[in-house]
């Protein structure tokens, strides 16, 4: 490699750092909630990449909180136990045996992620919503249908999360909660991430998904919307222009912003460094959902 090429590479890296500087300064000490799911959870290279991204956020002074799912693993273990996975409007129908499997699997995933973080030199603590009664729920009914031990969040107790953040730890939270009678419930991870971000008054909430962002027409890749206000998103929902699996995700995004989260991002977790590209570059990637009164 010639000295000229080496010099250009060094200059490029320096320019990247310079571009990131104002964002590092702006978000230092700010809470960022990352909902971790999709392919980035099952592909080992992507998993390591996401954990490195989170470790970097922590290292430059931000306060990341990870909320993770584990649906694929739950389905795998349910099948191993001879149980058929059943879903209703995107939510897992959870009987007592499935609830036991879900808690076991999510606990294992949780501690695995903690191990990744620790191996990268940052302190992390894994917990479920049962710890410190962090996530209080009531039984969820969907259109009047009983779908088992699925929780509807009624309260987030932030005491334990703040204790961890204030002592230099990254909280890694799995979406299991309890009701007032101490019964255990499975919770949709997107809902848990949104509720936690609102309760923490997070600066940012990022959903890692298996899509590049929000498409107005999923079959038309030119219809990717890079930025959309809450008012615009709600209008599209009312007009029935958001359908399928993207509908509950956009609804969670809207609820989070209306609840006080500054900005919400839908990111492609399959893309290397998607978190860093969104937070630390001028262009960003994915889809940003922001307050309607905000001037971009």
C-alpha atoms as a PDB file:
ATOM      1  CA  UNK A   1       0.000   0.000   0.000  1.00  0.00           C
ATOM      2  CA  UNK A   2       1.420   3.367  -1.051  1.00  0.00           C
ATOM      3  CA  UNK A   3       2.005   6.241   1.355  1.00  0.00           C
ATOM      4  CA  UNK A   4      -0.603   8.285  -0.553  1.00  0.00           C
ATOM      5  CA  UNK A   5      -3.314   5.651  -0.001  1.00  0.00           C
ATOM      6  CA  UNK A   6      -2.338   5.298   3.658  1.00  0.00           C
ATOM      7  CA  UNK A   7      -2.537   9.063   4.084  1.00  0.00           C
ATOM      8  CA  UNK A   8      -6.012   9.186   2.513  1.00  0.00           C
ATOM      9  CA  UNK A   9      -7.211   6.391   4.814  1.00  0.00           C
ATOM     10  CA  UNK A  10      -5.930   8.260   7.858  1.00  0.00           C
ATOM     11  CA  UNK A  11      -7.597  11.475   6.669  1.00  0.00           C
ATOM     12  CA  UNK A  12     -10.870   9.628   6.099  1.00  0.00           C
ATOM     13  CA  UNK A  13     -10.799   8.171   9.614  1.00  0.00           C
ATOM     14  CA  UNK A  14     -10.017  11.595  11.046  1.00  0.00           C
ATOM     15  CA  UNK A  15     -12.936  13.133   9.148  1.00  0.00           C
ATOM     16  CA  UNK A  16     -15.257  10.426  10.506  1.00  0.00           C
ATOM     17  CA  UNK A  17     -14.196  11.280  14.046  1.00  0.00           C
ATOM     18  CA  UNK A  18     -14.636  15.011  13.416  1.00  0.00           C
ATOM     19  CA  UNK A  19     -18.140  14.417  12.024  1.00  0.00           C
ATOM     20  CA  UNK A  20     -19.014  12.372  15.112  1.00  0.00           C
ATOM     21  CA  UNK A  21     -17.667  14.926  17.606  1.00  0.00           C
ATOM     22  CA  UNK A  22     -20.724  17.234  17.866  1.00  0.00           C
ATOM     23  CA  UNK A  23     -23.008  14.226  18.315  1.00  0.00           C
ATOM     24  CA  UNK A  24     -20.757  12.769  21.026  1.00  0.00           C
ATOM     25  CA  UNK A  25     -20.848  16.113  22.815  1.00  0.00           C
ATOM     26  CA  UNK A  26     -24.606  16.502  22.370  1.00  0.00           C
ATOM     27  CA  UNK A  27     -25.555  13.047  23.639  1.00  0.00           C
ATOM     28  CA  UNK A  28     -23.013  12.685  26.434  1.00  0.00           C
ATOM     29  CA  UNK A  29     -24.872  11.699  29.593  1.00  0.00           C
ATOM     30  CA  UNK A  30     -28.101  11.043  27.675  1.00  0.00           C
ATOM     31  CA  UNK A  31     -30.101   7.822  27.894  1.00  0.00           C
ATOM     32  CA  UNK A  32     -30.483   5.773  24.710  1.00  0.00           C
ATOM     33  CA  UNK A  33     -32.799   2.751  24.765  1.00  0.00           C
ATOM     34  CA  UNK A  34     -32.038   0.066  22.168  1.00  0.00           C
ATOM     35  CA  UNK A  35     -34.626  -2.571  21.373  1.00  0.00           C
ATOM     36  CA  UNK A  36     -32.519  -5.487  20.208  1.00  0.00           C
ATOM     37  CA  UNK A  37     -34.163  -8.142  18.050  1.00  0.00           C
ATOM     38  CA  UNK A  38     -34.422  -9.737  14.624  1.00  0.00           C
ATOM     39  CA  UNK A  39     -31.525 -11.223  12.679  1.00  0.00           C
ATOM     40  CA  UNK A  40     -29.026  -9.263  14.765  1.00  0.00           C
ATOM     41  CA  UNK A  41     -29.867 -11.626  17.629  1.00  0.00           C
ATOM     42  CA  UNK A  42     -29.259 -14.894  15.779  1.00  0.00           C
ATOM     43  CA  UNK A  43     -26.310 -14.066  13.516  1.00  0.00           C
ATOM     44  CA  UNK A  44     -23.131 -14.219  15.601  1.00  0.00           C
ATOM     45  CA  UNK A  45     -21.282 -11.586  13.539  1.00  0.00           C
ATOM     46  CA  UNK A  46     -24.198  -9.149  13.746  1.00  0.00           C
ATOM     47  CA  UNK A  47     -24.602  -9.819  17.457  1.00  0.00           C
ATOM     48  CA  UNK A  48     -20.969  -9.033  18.142  1.00  0.00           C
ATOM     49  CA  UNK A  49     -21.248  -5.903  15.994  1.00  0.00           C
ATOM     50  CA  UNK A  50     -24.288  -4.611  17.895  1.00  0.00           C
ATOM     51  CA  UNK A  51     -22.598  -5.218  21.234  1.00  0.00           C
ATOM     52  CA  UNK A  52     -19.505  -3.319  20.032  1.00  0.00           C
ATOM     53  CA  UNK A  53     -21.725  -0.427  18.941  1.00  0.00           C
ATOM     54  CA  UNK A  54     -23.379  -0.326  22.365  1.00  0.00           C
ATOM     55  CA  UNK A  55     -19.984  -0.557  24.089  1.00  0.00           C
ATOM     56  CA  UNK A  56     -18.799   2.444  22.061  1.00  0.00           C
ATOM     57  CA  UNK A  57     -21.876   4.475  23.037  1.00  0.00           C
ATOM     58  CA  UNK A  58     -21.066   3.741  26.663  1.00  0.00           C
ATOM     59  CA  UNK A  59     -17.386   4.535  26.200  1.00  0.00           C
ATOM     60  CA  UNK A  60     -18.090   8.041  24.824  1.00  0.00           C
ATOM     61  CA  UNK A  61     -20.323   8.932  27.748  1.00  0.00           C
ATOM     62  CA  UNK A  62     -23.814   7.945  26.625  1.00  0.00           C
ATOM     63  CA  UNK A  63     -26.093   5.824  28.826  1.00  0.00           C
ATOM     64  CA  UNK A  64     -27.370   2.864  26.787  1.00  0.00           C
ATOM     65  CA  UNK A  65     -30.144   0.564  27.983  1.00  0.00           C
ATOM     66  CA  UNK A  66     -30.789  -2.668  26.073  1.00  0.00           C
ATOM     67  CA  UNK A  67     -34.246  -4.262  25.904  1.00  0.00           C
ATOM     68  CA  UNK A  68     -34.216  -7.559  24.024  1.00  0.00           C
ATOM     69  CA  UNK A  69     -36.624 -10.121  22.678  1.00  0.00           C
ATOM     70  CA  UNK A  70     -36.055 -13.778  21.913  1.00  0.00           C
ATOM     71  CA  UNK A  71     -39.042 -14.947  19.921  1.00  0.00           C
ATOM     72  CA  UNK A  72     -37.126 -17.212  17.565  1.00  0.00           C
ATOM     73  CA  UNK A  73     -35.502 -19.065  20.451  1.00  0.00           C
ATOM     74  CA  UNK A  74     -38.832 -19.386  22.273  1.00  0.00           C
ATOM     75  CA  UNK A  75     -40.405 -20.887  19.147  1.00  0.00           C
ATOM     76  CA  UNK A  76     -37.482 -23.280  18.752  1.00  0.00           C
ATOM     77  CA  UNK A  77     -37.696 -24.521  22.343  1.00  0.00           C
ATOM     78  CA  UNK A  78     -41.479 -24.759  22.193  1.00  0.00           C
ATOM     79  CA  UNK A  79     -41.179 -27.003  19.152  1.00  0.00           C
ATOM     80  CA  UNK A  80     -38.542 -29.081  20.952  1.00  0.00           C
ATOM     81  CA  UNK A  81     -41.046 -29.550  23.800  1.00  0.00           C
ATOM     82  CA  UNK A  82     -43.744 -30.568  21.328  1.00  0.00           C
ATOM     83  CA  UNK A  83     -45.701 -27.314  21.568  1.00  0.00           C
ATOM     84  CA  UNK A  84     -47.128 -25.483  18.582  1.00  0.00           C
ATOM     85  CA  UNK A  85     -46.387 -21.732  18.519  1.00  0.00           C
ATOM     86  CA  UNK A  86     -49.591 -19.758  18.088  1.00  0.00           C
ATOM     87  CA  UNK A  87     -49.879 -16.029  17.446  1.00  0.00           C
ATOM     88  CA  UNK A  88     -52.823 -13.670  17.491  1.00  0.00           C
ATOM     89  CA  UNK A  89     -52.394 -10.248  15.882  1.00  0.00           C
ATOM     90  CA  UNK A  90     -48.635 -10.497  16.241  1.00  0.00           C
ATOM     91  CA  UNK A  91     -48.640 -11.576  19.904  1.00  0.00           C
ATOM     92  CA  UNK A  92     -47.594 -15.018  21.124  1.00  0.00           C
ATOM     93  CA  UNK A  93     -50.468 -16.936  22.731  1.00  0.00           C
ATOM     94  CA  UNK A  94     -48.819 -17.964  25.996  1.00  0.00           C
ATOM     95  CA  UNK A  95     -50.160 -20.788  28.129  1.00  0.00           C
ATOM     96  CA  UNK A  96     -48.503 -21.808  31.415  1.00  0.00           C
ATOM     97  CA  UNK A  97     -46.021 -24.196  29.773  1.00  0.00           C
ATOM     98  CA  UNK A  98     -45.075 -21.680  27.082  1.00  0.00           C
ATOM     99  CA  UNK A  99     -44.630 -19.019  29.776  1.00  0.00           C
ATOM    100  CA  UNK A 100     -42.180 -21.291  31.580  1.00  0.00           C
ATOM    101  CA  UNK A 101     -40.227 -21.809  28.344  1.00  0.00           C
ATOM    102  CA  UNK A 102     -40.252 -18.088  27.537  1.00  0.00           C
ATOM    103  CA  UNK A 103     -38.859 -17.138  30.931  1.00  0.00           C
ATOM    104  CA  UNK A 104     -36.138 -19.779  30.688  1.00  0.00           C
ATOM    105  CA  UNK A 105     -35.135 -18.812  27.150  1.00  0.00           C
ATOM    106  CA  UNK A 106     -35.196 -15.043  27.727  1.00  0.00           C
ATOM    107  CA  UNK A 107     -33.115 -15.494  30.881  1.00  0.00           C
ATOM    108  CA  UNK A 108     -30.513 -17.450  28.932  1.00  0.00           C
ATOM    109  CA  UNK A 109     -30.438 -14.873  26.114  1.00  0.00           C
ATOM    110  CA  UNK A 110     -30.151 -12.120  28.705  1.00  0.00           C
ATOM    111  CA  UNK A 111     -27.092 -13.566  30.408  1.00  0.00           C
ATOM    112  CA  UNK A 112     -25.500 -14.271  27.037  1.00  0.00           C
ATOM    113  CA  UNK A 113     -25.756 -10.604  26.113  1.00  0.00           C
ATOM    114  CA  UNK A 114     -24.299  -9.588  29.467  1.00  0.00           C
ATOM    115  CA  UNK A 115     -21.348 -11.867  28.746  1.00  0.00           C
ATOM    116  CA  UNK A 116     -20.797 -10.157  25.384  1.00  0.00           C
ATOM    117  CA  UNK A 117     -20.799  -6.720  27.007  1.00  0.00           C
ATOM    118  CA  UNK A 118     -18.423  -7.756  29.770  1.00  0.00           C
ATOM    119  CA  UNK A 119     -16.039  -9.287  27.215  1.00  0.00           C
ATOM    120  CA  UNK A 120     -15.799  -5.853  25.594  1.00  0.00           C
ATOM    121  CA  UNK A 121     -14.733  -4.159  28.772  1.00  0.00           C
ATOM    122  CA  UNK A 122     -18.003  -2.535  29.803  1.00  0.00           C
ATOM    123  CA  UNK A 123     -20.017  -3.410  32.883  1.00  0.00           C
ATOM    124  CA  UNK A 124     -23.492  -4.827  32.353  1.00  0.00           C
ATOM    125  CA  UNK A 125     -26.234  -6.318  34.503  1.00  0.00           C
ATOM    126  CA  UNK A 126     -29.036  -8.495  33.186  1.00  0.00           C
ATOM    127  CA  UNK A 127     -32.494  -8.312  34.675  1.00  0.00           C
ATOM    128  CA  UNK A 128     -36.083  -9.111  33.882  1.00  0.00           C
ATOM    129  CA  UNK A 129     -39.034  -6.884  34.567  1.00  0.00           C
ATOM    130  CA  UNK A 130     -39.679  -8.967  37.676  1.00  0.00           C
ATOM    131  CA  UNK A 131     -36.477  -7.750  39.320  1.00  0.00           C
ATOM    132  CA  UNK A 132     -37.288  -4.821  41.581  1.00  0.00           C
ATOM    133  CA  UNK A 133     -40.836  -5.002  40.200  1.00  0.00           C
ATOM    134  CA  UNK A 134     -39.452  -3.026  37.261  1.00  0.00           C
ATOM    135  CA  UNK A 135     -42.339  -3.872  34.913  1.00  0.00           C
ATOM    136  CA  UNK A 136     -45.814  -4.115  36.414  1.00  0.00           C
ATOM    137  CA  UNK A 137     -48.485  -5.496  34.120  1.00  0.00           C
ATOM    138  CA  UNK A 138     -52.068  -6.557  33.959  1.00  0.00           C
ATOM    139  CA  UNK A 139     -53.413  -9.367  31.816  1.00  0.00           C
ATOM    140  CA  UNK A 140     -53.747  -8.341  28.161  1.00  0.00           C
ATOM    141  CA  UNK A 141     -56.848  -9.069  26.141  1.00  0.00           C
ATOM    142  CA  UNK A 142     -56.812  -8.475  22.385  1.00  0.00           C
ATOM    143  CA  UNK A 143     -60.238  -7.641  20.969  1.00  0.00           C
ATOM    144  CA  UNK A 144     -61.651  -9.401  24.015  1.00  0.00           C
ATOM    145  CA  UNK A 145     -59.663 -12.572  23.309  1.00  0.00           C
ATOM    146  CA  UNK A 146     -57.752 -14.233  26.157  1.00  0.00           C
ATOM    147  CA  UNK A 147     -54.233 -14.957  24.844  1.00  0.00           C
ATOM    148  CA  UNK A 148     -52.867 -16.374  28.077  1.00  0.00           C
ATOM    149  CA  UNK A 149     -49.980 -15.041  30.121  1.00  0.00           C
ATOM    150  CA  UNK A 150     -49.347 -11.952  28.015  1.00  0.00           C
ATOM    151  CA  UNK A 151     -48.911  -8.733  29.931  1.00  0.00           C
ATOM    152  CA  UNK A 152     -50.180  -5.221  29.295  1.00  0.00           C
ATOM    153  CA  UNK A 153     -47.772  -2.725  30.874  1.00  0.00           C
ATOM    154  CA  UNK A 154     -49.305  -0.410  33.458  1.00  0.00           C
ATOM    155  CA  UNK A 155     -46.182   0.864  35.226  1.00  0.00           C
ATOM    156  CA  UNK A 156     -42.394   1.013  34.845  1.00  0.00           C
ATOM    157  CA  UNK A 157     -40.467   1.318  38.113  1.00  0.00           C
ATOM    158  CA  UNK A 158     -37.201   2.996  37.117  1.00  0.00           C
ATOM    159  CA  UNK A 159     -35.436   2.770  40.499  1.00  0.00           C
ATOM    160  CA  UNK A 160     -33.309  -0.292  39.687  1.00  0.00           C
ATOM    161  CA  UNK A 161     -32.520   0.907  36.160  1.00  0.00           C
ATOM    162  CA  UNK A 162     -31.311   4.283  37.434  1.00  0.00           C
ATOM    163  CA  UNK A 163     -29.281   2.591  40.165  1.00  0.00           C
ATOM    164  CA  UNK A 164     -27.439   0.589  37.513  1.00  0.00           C
ATOM    165  CA  UNK A 165     -26.946   3.563  35.180  1.00  0.00           C
ATOM    166  CA  UNK A 166     -25.695   5.781  38.004  1.00  0.00           C
ATOM    167  CA  UNK A 167     -23.123   3.160  38.962  1.00  0.00           C
ATOM    168  CA  UNK A 168     -21.708   2.712  35.469  1.00  0.00           C
ATOM    169  CA  UNK A 169     -23.595  -0.415  34.356  1.00  0.00           C
ATOM    170  CA  UNK A 170     -25.505  -1.081  31.152  1.00  0.00           C
ATOM    171  CA  UNK A 171     -28.929  -2.534  32.050  1.00  0.00           C
ATOM    172  CA  UNK A 172     -29.881  -5.467  29.811  1.00  0.00           C
ATOM    173  CA  UNK A 173     -33.604  -6.082  30.252  1.00  0.00           C
ATOM    174  CA  UNK A 174     -35.751  -8.992  29.109  1.00  0.00           C
ATOM    175  CA  UNK A 175     -39.512  -8.413  28.715  1.00  0.00           C
ATOM    176  CA  UNK A 176     -40.955 -10.436  31.562  1.00  0.00           C
ATOM    177  CA  UNK A 177     -43.211  -8.721  34.093  1.00  0.00           C
ATOM    178  CA  UNK A 178     -45.507  -9.352  37.037  1.00  0.00           C
ATOM    179  CA  UNK A 179     -49.009  -8.298  38.014  1.00  0.00           C
ATOM    180  CA  UNK A 180     -50.081  -7.117  41.473  1.00  0.00           C
ATOM    181  CA  UNK A 181     -50.601 -10.757  42.494  1.00  0.00           C
ATOM    182  CA  UNK A 182     -46.995 -11.583  41.456  1.00  0.00           C
ATOM    183  CA  UNK A 183     -48.070 -13.708  38.506  1.00  0.00           C
ATOM    184  CA  UNK A 184     -45.500 -13.832  35.684  1.00  0.00           C
ATOM    185  CA  UNK A 185     -46.322 -12.572  32.178  1.00  0.00           C
ATOM    186  CA  UNK A 186     -44.601 -12.424  28.819  1.00  0.00           C
ATOM    187  CA  UNK A 187     -44.474  -8.931  27.261  1.00  0.00           C
ATOM    188  CA  UNK A 188     -44.037  -7.819  23.670  1.00  0.00           C
ATOM    189  CA  UNK A 189     -40.431  -6.557  23.523  1.00  0.00           C
ATOM    190  CA  UNK A 190     -41.288  -3.530  21.367  1.00  0.00           C
ATOM    191  CA  UNK A 191     -43.909  -2.453  23.905  1.00  0.00           C
ATOM    192  CA  UNK A 192     -41.478  -2.974  26.772  1.00  0.00           C
ATOM    193  CA  UNK A 193     -38.763  -0.919  25.066  1.00  0.00           C
ATOM    194  CA  UNK A 194     -41.176   1.914  24.340  1.00  0.00           C
ATOM    195  CA  UNK A 195     -42.557   2.013  27.877  1.00  0.00           C
ATOM    196  CA  UNK A 196     -39.071   1.911  29.414  1.00  0.00           C
ATOM    197  CA  UNK A 197     -37.850   4.700  27.120  1.00  0.00           C
ATOM    198  CA  UNK A 198     -40.813   6.889  28.094  1.00  0.00           C
ATOM    199  CA  UNK A 199     -40.333   6.215  31.816  1.00  0.00           C
ATOM    200  CA  UNK A 200     -36.618   7.076  31.568  1.00  0.00           C
ATOM    201  CA  UNK A 201     -37.340  10.177  29.448  1.00  0.00           C
ATOM    202  CA  UNK A 202     -34.802   8.800  26.986  1.00  0.00           C
ATOM    203  CA  UNK A 203     -33.136  11.001  24.412  1.00  0.00           C
ATOM    204  CA  UNK A 204     -33.442   8.257  21.804  1.00  0.00           C
ATOM    205  CA  UNK A 205     -35.171   4.923  21.266  1.00  0.00           C
ATOM    206  CA  UNK A 206     -33.823   2.699  18.499  1.00  0.00           C
ATOM    207  CA  UNK A 207     -35.597  -0.393  17.168  1.00  0.00           C
ATOM    208  CA  UNK A 208     -33.270  -2.858  15.440  1.00  0.00           C
ATOM    209  CA  UNK A 209     -35.329  -4.665  12.798  1.00  0.00           C
ATOM    210  CA  UNK A 210     -34.983  -6.782   9.677  1.00  0.00           C
ATOM    211  CA  UNK A 211     -35.939  -3.958   7.346  1.00  0.00           C
ATOM    212  CA  UNK A 212     -34.146  -0.816   6.165  1.00  0.00           C
ATOM    213  CA  UNK A 213     -36.817   1.368   7.765  1.00  0.00           C
ATOM    214  CA  UNK A 214     -40.435   2.298   7.131  1.00  0.00           C
ATOM    215  CA  UNK A 215     -41.666   1.807   3.574  1.00  0.00           C
ATOM    216  CA  UNK A 216     -44.913   3.396   2.427  1.00  0.00           C
ATOM    217  CA  UNK A 217     -45.088   0.442   0.021  1.00  0.00           C
ATOM    218  CA  UNK A 218     -42.878  -2.444   1.103  1.00  0.00           C
ATOM    219  CA  UNK A 219     -42.651  -3.755  -2.470  1.00  0.00           C
ATOM    220  CA  UNK A 220     -41.377  -0.383  -3.679  1.00  0.00           C
ATOM    221  CA  UNK A 221     -37.913   0.228  -2.218  1.00  0.00           C
ATOM    222  CA  UNK A 222     -37.999   3.848  -3.403  1.00  0.00           C
ATOM    223  CA  UNK A 223     -40.859   4.494  -0.945  1.00  0.00           C
ATOM    224  CA  UNK A 224     -38.555   4.358   2.093  1.00  0.00           C
ATOM    225  CA  UNK A 225     -39.392   7.269   4.403  1.00  0.00           C
ATOM    226  CA  UNK A 226     -36.278   8.576   6.127  1.00  0.00           C
ATOM    227  CA  UNK A 227     -38.065  11.090   8.376  1.00  0.00           C
ATOM    228  CA  UNK A 228     -41.677  11.356   9.468  1.00  0.00           C
ATOM    229  CA  UNK A 229     -43.434  13.421  12.132  1.00  0.00           C
ATOM    230  CA  UNK A 230     -45.874  11.947  14.637  1.00  0.00           C
ATOM    231  CA  UNK A 231     -48.781  13.806  12.992  1.00  0.00           C
ATOM    232  CA  UNK A 232     -47.843  12.430   9.568  1.00  0.00           C
ATOM    233  CA  UNK A 233     -47.502   8.900  10.950  1.00  0.00           C
ATOM    234  CA  UNK A 234     -50.885   9.072  12.694  1.00  0.00           C
ATOM    235  CA  UNK A 235     -52.519  10.300   9.490  1.00  0.00           C
ATOM    236  CA  UNK A 236     -51.090   7.326   7.571  1.00  0.00           C
ATOM    237  CA  UNK A 237     -52.382   4.975  10.271  1.00  0.00           C
ATOM    238  CA  UNK A 238     -55.870   6.519  10.104  1.00  0.00           C
ATOM    239  CA  UNK A 239     -55.872   6.197   6.315  1.00  0.00           C
ATOM    240  CA  UNK A 240     -54.942   2.518   6.574  1.00  0.00           C
ATOM    241  CA  UNK A 241     -51.677   3.010   4.702  1.00  0.00           C
ATOM    242  CA  UNK A 242     -49.580   1.192   7.321  1.00  0.00           C
ATOM    243  CA  UNK A 243     -50.284  -2.507   7.523  1.00  0.00           C
ATOM    244  CA  UNK A 244     -48.889  -5.823   8.702  1.00  0.00           C
ATOM    245  CA  UNK A 245     -46.007  -6.087  11.124  1.00  0.00           C
ATOM    246  CA  UNK A 246     -44.996  -2.465  10.606  1.00  0.00           C
ATOM    247  CA  UNK A 247     -48.276  -1.142  12.059  1.00  0.00           C
ATOM    248  CA  UNK A 248     -47.660  -2.063  15.722  1.00  0.00           C
ATOM    249  CA  UNK A 249     -44.051  -0.917  15.425  1.00  0.00           C
ATOM    250  CA  UNK A 250     -45.046   2.515  14.107  1.00  0.00           C
ATOM    251  CA  UNK A 251     -47.750   2.729  16.775  1.00  0.00           C
ATOM    252  CA  UNK A 252     -45.112   2.014  19.441  1.00  0.00           C
ATOM    253  CA  UNK A 253     -42.865   4.683  17.926  1.00  0.00           C
ATOM    254  CA  UNK A 254     -45.661   7.253  17.947  1.00  0.00           C
ATOM    255  CA  UNK A 255     -46.600   6.410  21.547  1.00  0.00           C
ATOM    256  CA  UNK A 256     -42.971   6.748  22.645  1.00  0.00           C
ATOM    257  CA  UNK A 257     -42.529  10.184  21.072  1.00  0.00           C
ATOM    258  CA  UNK A 258     -45.872  11.414  22.424  1.00  0.00           C
ATOM    259  CA  UNK A 259     -44.816  10.032  25.810  1.00  0.00           C
ATOM    260  CA  UNK A 260     -41.716  12.225  25.877  1.00  0.00           C
ATOM    261  CA  UNK A 261     -38.935  10.365  24.052  1.00  0.00           C
ATOM    262  CA  UNK A 262     -37.073  12.931  21.956  1.00  0.00           C
ATOM    263  CA  UNK A 263     -36.573  10.820  18.835  1.00  0.00           C
ATOM    264  CA  UNK A 264     -37.327   7.251  17.768  1.00  0.00           C
ATOM    265  CA  UNK A 265     -35.418   5.364  15.082  1.00  0.00           C
ATOM    266  CA  UNK A 266     -36.246   2.248  13.058  1.00  0.00           C
ATOM    267  CA  UNK A 267     -32.919   0.760  11.982  1.00  0.00           C
ATOM    268  CA  UNK A 268     -31.794  -2.198   9.921  1.00  0.00           C
ATOM    269  CA  UNK A 269     -30.067  -4.467  12.427  1.00  0.00           C
ATOM    270  CA  UNK A 270     -28.599  -6.498   9.564  1.00  0.00           C
ATOM    271  CA  UNK A 271     -26.441  -3.554   8.511  1.00  0.00           C
ATOM    272  CA  UNK A 272     -23.091  -3.288  10.230  1.00  0.00           C
ATOM    273  CA  UNK A 273     -22.799  -0.313  12.597  1.00  0.00           C
ATOM    274  CA  UNK A 274     -26.369   0.839  11.946  1.00  0.00           C
ATOM    275  CA  UNK A 275     -26.585   2.316  15.462  1.00  0.00           C
ATOM    276  CA  UNK A 276     -23.425   4.367  15.027  1.00  0.00           C
ATOM    277  CA  UNK A 277     -24.360   5.483  11.519  1.00  0.00           C
ATOM    278  CA  UNK A 278     -27.695   6.793  12.775  1.00  0.00           C
ATOM    279  CA  UNK A 279     -26.426   8.543  15.893  1.00  0.00           C
ATOM    280  CA  UNK A 280     -23.013   9.848  14.839  1.00  0.00           C
ATOM    281  CA  UNK A 281     -23.334  10.863  11.179  1.00  0.00           C
ATOM    282  CA  UNK A 282     -25.010  13.783   9.426  1.00  0.00           C
ATOM    283  CA  UNK A 283     -26.962  11.646   6.978  1.00  0.00           C
ATOM    284  CA  UNK A 284     -28.075   8.779   9.212  1.00  0.00           C
ATOM    285  CA  UNK A 285     -29.970   5.713   8.007  1.00  0.00           C
ATOM    286  CA  UNK A 286     -33.327   4.069   8.580  1.00  0.00           C
ATOM    287  CA  UNK A 287     -36.432   6.023   9.581  1.00  0.00           C
ATOM    288  CA  UNK A 288     -36.636   8.801  12.160  1.00  0.00           C
ATOM    289  CA  UNK A 289     -39.938   9.521  13.945  1.00  0.00           C
ATOM    290  CA  UNK A 290     -39.948  12.934  15.583  1.00  0.00           C
ATOM    291  CA  UNK A 291     -42.224  15.422  17.320  1.00  0.00           C
ATOM    292  CA  UNK A 292     -44.478  17.263  14.905  1.00  0.00           C
ATOM    293  CA  UNK A 293     -43.502  20.669  16.307  1.00  0.00           C
ATOM    294  CA  UNK A 294     -39.777  19.939  15.960  1.00  0.00           C
ATOM    295  CA  UNK A 295     -37.911  21.757  13.204  1.00  0.00           C
ATOM    296  CA  UNK A 296     -35.342  19.507  11.524  1.00  0.00           C
END
